[in-house]
């Protein structure tokens, strides 16, 4: 395998090509446009399908149609574009067809800016549209990880007949790093049994998200919940760094988690027993491991590039056992290691003030808000 210097967006696109993607539909929006541009050149070379849609709404519905035929299909966008795709994603989930969606996040709300952010956590992790469902959400922290997760995403989508989201901030899409590309897989010659491929020689298939009878709708939703439970058992992904003896556990995903690891290294050099848990799967979330760490740690510090979104899931997992602090930057600002290190010291001091006393719900709420970043 050859190490190459690759840009995040283009590396994700090539990983999808090598995973056997057959069709891509999308609409340009910074900071993910290079992904679309790469597909515009690469897929026609391979006699596969590329189409720039007239909007994000059109793109996700083209993905929906292709997914119904069993085609290995994907789209990509950035935060405002993803907002426009939400209805289509809900229809895809309601029809139980697989696809891959790449979201290279930017600042918001509204049109925002093109700087890196992690403000789409709620939008993607908590559903991605109306209804009781969740896509699998994977958050890379390096270009290599973005390649590997994209390559795996199609298999996961087809295994569970679900949406898989690659959720990365603009840093991951725009940075260049040495990485290794996976081998080229052949495009599949056979379609799954449920796909809409014509009725010649078999009974017709029907794909629909409509269940007008409430009992039928509930039965369908129960089936979805059973599948989500299976995903939760088998697809949790995270990375730990020096958590074995850590008193303060830092939790961050993507770029924030990557920067936080540097701060944890610095904290160790200063004698603080800090460790890092970096969630890679944001859904399913590594809540069981966090609950285990809460039995050993004196406190947690959640670092995000938003006003505090994943921190709510960390709080739920920790369940009030120890204080959970938060440090976030917004609007495309990236937290720096020295700033995180300062908050690690503050979290350590805050934890030591408790002297083992179990805190009230109000105290815990105040603690989690003790530092709202740059405001």
Foldseek 3Di string as FASTA:
>chain_A
DDWDWDFQLLLLLVLLQLLQAQEEEEEDDPPNNVNLVNCVPPNVVVVGYYDYDPALCVRLVVVLVCQLQQGAYEYEDEDVSLLSCLASQVFQQLQLGFYEYEYAYAADDPPFDRFWFQVCLCCQQVRSYDDPAHAWEFEDAASQVSSVCSSCRSVVCVVLSHYYYYYAYSCSNGHIDIYDHDGRDHHDPDGDPQHQDDAVPHDGHDTGSDDPDPVVNVVSVVVRVVSLVVCLVPPWDKDKFQLPQAQEEEEEEHNQQVQQVVLCVVCVVVPHRYMYIYTRTSVVYPLQVLCVSLVRYLEYEYEGADQDDCVVVSCVSSVQSHAYAYEYHHSNDHDHSVVVNVVSVVRVVVSVVCVNPRDDPVVSVCRHVVYRYPD
